[in-house]
Amino acid sequence: MEGSSTCRLGRQVDLPQILAVASAWPAHFVPRGLRAIAADFAVHSSAVIEEDGAVVAFVVWLETSLELEVLWIATHPRKTRRGFGARLVRFVLEHGQDQVQALVKTASEDAKIDGTRLDGSKFRGSLAFFESLGFRRCCRLDSFWGPEDHALLLSLPLFREV
């Protein structure tokens, strides 16, 4: 039987479990990415989903007066396809304060980082996930994170027509 899950704001004590969730995806989160998650977690907002006392999914986001940006999001591979990712994105959007758009950058399908297991083709699922939530591709950012480490910028309008 599956345990019940709780979505809540992240706490410093969650960081080791957050990094464990991300580490379970070595083709997505390379060592440099894990260090960036820890650094961003220390200064930005975060939320986790707990199941039976363990963190099974997380999101870290940046909030400005105009935008919400999902910086990092993952669900443990053994807990996917249960709506946890969508629940976390909704959590972020509900915590916004009148921003006009939500953004996410994800690796392009041809992104690569020499000497790592990063596989841009593995991000097709991430793209489909965000697009299913209404995000749309805005542009490609060539070598955004480094040589051949390309990003795709996706946007979700949040404003209401006046």
Protein backbone atom coordinates (compact mmCIF):
# COMPACT_ATOMS: atom_id res chain seq x y z
CA MET A 1 0.00 0.00 0.00
CA GLU A 2 1.29 3.48 -0.90
CA GLY A 3 1.70 5.99 1.88
CA SER A 4 0.04 9.36 1.96
CA SER A 5 1.98 12.34 0.66
CA THR A 6 2.34 15.90 1.91
CA CYS A 7 3.46 18.96 -0.04
CA ARG A 8 5.16 21.61 2.08
CA LEU A 9 7.79 24.31 1.98
CA GLY A 10 11.34 22.99 2.05
CA ARG A 11 13.52 23.15 5.14
CA GLN A 12 17.31 23.06 5.43
CA VAL A 13 17.12 19.55 6.89
CA ASP A 14 15.62 18.37 3.54
CA LEU A 15 18.74 19.12 1.49
CA PRO A 16 20.41 15.67 1.77
CA GLN A 17 17.19 13.95 0.64
CA ILE A 18 16.69 16.51 -2.16
CA LEU A 19 20.19 15.77 -3.44
CA ALA A 20 19.49 12.04 -3.21
CA VAL A 21 16.37 12.46 -5.37
CA ALA A 22 18.35 14.45 -7.96
CA SER A 23 21.26 11.98 -7.84
CA ALA A 24 18.88 9.19 -8.80
CA TRP A 25 18.78 10.84 -12.28
CA PRO A 26 22.49 10.81 -13.34
CA ALA A 27 21.66 11.53 -17.01
CA HIS A 28 19.87 14.70 -15.86
CA PHE A 29 21.75 15.98 -12.81
CA VAL A 30 25.54 15.96 -13.18
CA PRO A 31 27.84 16.82 -10.24
CA ARG A 32 27.95 20.51 -11.20
CA GLY A 33 24.13 20.50 -11.20
CA LEU A 34 23.98 18.93 -7.75
CA ARG A 35 26.25 21.69 -6.41
CA ALA A 36 24.02 24.29 -8.06
CA ILE A 37 20.91 22.73 -6.49
CA ALA A 38 22.51 23.02 -3.05
CA ALA A 39 23.54 26.63 -3.67
CA ASP A 40 20.12 27.63 -5.03
CA PHE A 41 18.31 25.78 -2.24
CA ALA A 42 20.21 27.93 0.29
CA VAL A 43 18.93 31.23 -1.13
CA HIS A 44 15.65 30.55 -2.96
CA SER A 45 12.23 29.15 -2.15
CA SER A 46 11.66 25.41 -2.21
CA ALA A 47 8.98 22.82 -1.63
CA VAL A 48 9.05 19.07 -1.18
CA ILE A 49 6.65 16.20 -1.32
CA GLU A 50 7.07 13.78 1.55
CA GLU A 51 5.75 10.25 1.57
CA ASP A 52 6.09 8.16 4.71
CA GLY A 53 8.56 10.70 6.11
CA ALA A 54 10.88 10.67 3.08
CA VAL A 55 11.31 13.40 0.47
CA VAL A 56 10.24 11.89 -2.88
CA ALA A 57 10.05 15.08 -4.97
CA PHE A 58 11.25 18.67 -4.79
CA VAL A 59 11.22 22.03 -6.52
CA VAL A 60 13.44 25.08 -6.07
CA TRP A 61 12.27 28.36 -7.56
CA LEU A 62 13.25 31.98 -7.95
CA GLU A 63 10.68 34.69 -7.46
CA THR A 64 10.96 38.26 -8.77
CA SER A 65 8.33 40.96 -9.02
CA LEU A 66 7.55 39.90 -12.61
CA GLU A 67 8.43 36.21 -12.83
CA LEU A 68 8.50 32.86 -11.13
CA GLU A 69 11.29 30.63 -12.42
CA VAL A 70 11.46 26.93 -11.69
CA LEU A 71 15.18 26.36 -11.19
CA TRP A 72 15.18 22.69 -10.23
CA ILE A 73 12.48 20.02 -10.03
CA ALA A 74 12.59 16.25 -9.76
CA THR A 75 10.65 13.27 -8.52
CA HIS A 76 12.45 10.11 -7.45
CA PRO A 77 12.40 7.62 -10.36
CA ARG A 78 10.48 5.07 -8.28
CA LYS A 79 7.76 7.67 -7.58
CA THR A 80 7.12 9.10 -11.05
CA ARG A 81 3.76 9.20 -12.84
CA ARG A 82 1.87 10.00 -9.64
CA GLY A 83 1.28 13.69 -10.25
CA PHE A 84 3.97 14.88 -7.83
CA GLY A 85 5.70 17.12 -10.40
CA ALA A 86 2.44 18.82 -11.43
CA ARG A 87 1.54 19.22 -7.76
CA LEU A 88 4.85 20.98 -7.10
CA VAL A 89 4.45 23.32 -10.09
CA ARG A 90 0.94 24.22 -8.90
CA PHE A 91 2.40 24.86 -5.44
CA VAL A 92 4.94 27.30 -6.92
CA LEU A 93 2.28 29.08 -8.98
CA GLU A 94 -0.03 29.39 -5.96
CA HIS A 95 2.77 31.00 -3.93
CA GLY A 96 3.35 33.69 -6.53
CA GLN A 97 2.49 37.32 -5.90
CA ASP A 98 1.00 38.72 -9.11
CA GLN A 99 3.89 37.73 -11.40
CA VAL A 100 3.14 37.93 -15.13
CA GLN A 101 4.86 34.71 -16.19
CA ALA A 102 6.45 31.50 -15.03
CA LEU A 103 9.68 30.34 -16.64
CA VAL A 104 11.72 27.18 -16.79
CA LYS A 105 14.99 26.42 -18.51
CA THR A 106 15.72 22.82 -19.39
CA ALA A 107 18.39 21.11 -21.41
CA SER A 108 17.88 20.93 -25.15
CA GLU A 109 17.65 17.47 -26.69
CA ASP A 110 21.18 17.82 -28.10
CA ALA A 111 22.80 19.23 -24.95
CA LYS A 112 25.94 17.53 -23.71
CA ILE A 113 28.67 18.08 -21.17
CA ASP A 114 31.92 16.29 -21.89
CA GLY A 115 33.01 13.90 -19.16
CA THR A 116 29.51 13.51 -17.68
CA ARG A 117 26.51 11.26 -18.18
CA LEU A 118 24.27 14.18 -19.20
CA ASP A 119 22.06 13.05 -22.08
CA GLY A 120 19.95 15.79 -23.62
CA SER A 121 17.69 13.24 -25.28
CA LYS A 122 16.51 12.22 -21.80
CA PHE A 123 14.95 15.68 -21.42
CA ARG A 124 12.17 14.92 -23.91
CA GLY A 125 10.04 13.79 -20.98
CA SER A 126 10.78 17.02 -19.11
CA LEU A 127 9.72 19.08 -22.11
CA ALA A 128 6.52 17.07 -22.54
CA PHE A 129 5.79 17.45 -18.81
CA PHE A 130 6.09 21.24 -18.83
CA GLU A 131 4.21 21.56 -22.11
CA SER A 132 1.37 19.48 -20.64
CA LEU A 133 1.10 22.14 -17.91
CA GLY A 134 0.74 24.94 -20.47
CA PHE A 135 4.38 26.05 -20.76
CA ARG A 136 5.46 26.90 -24.30
CA ARG A 137 8.90 26.94 -25.86
CA CYS A 138 10.18 30.51 -26.22
CA CYS A 139 13.71 30.12 -27.47
CA ARG A 140 16.88 28.08 -27.50
CA LEU A 141 19.84 29.44 -25.54
CA ASP A 142 22.97 28.05 -27.21
CA SER A 143 25.81 27.09 -24.86
CA PHE A 144 23.85 28.66 -22.00
CA TRP A 145 25.44 26.60 -19.23
CA GLY A 146 28.70 25.90 -21.07
CA PRO A 147 30.02 24.71 -24.44
CA GLU A 148 27.38 22.50 -26.11
CA ASP A 149 25.25 22.65 -22.94
CA HIS A 150 22.24 24.27 -24.59
CA ALA A 151 19.02 25.28 -22.86
CA LEU A 152 15.42 25.69 -23.92
CA LEU A 153 13.45 28.49 -22.30
CA LEU A 154 9.77 27.77 -21.67
CA SER A 155 7.18 30.29 -20.51
CA LEU A 156 3.71 30.18 -19.01
CA PRO A 157 1.73 33.46 -19.02
CA LEU A 158 0.17 34.20 -15.63
CA PHE A 159 -1.36 37.61 -16.23
CA ARG A 160 -5.02 38.28 -16.74
CA GLU A 161 -6.26 40.51 -19.54
CA VAL A 162 -7.42 43.93 -18.31
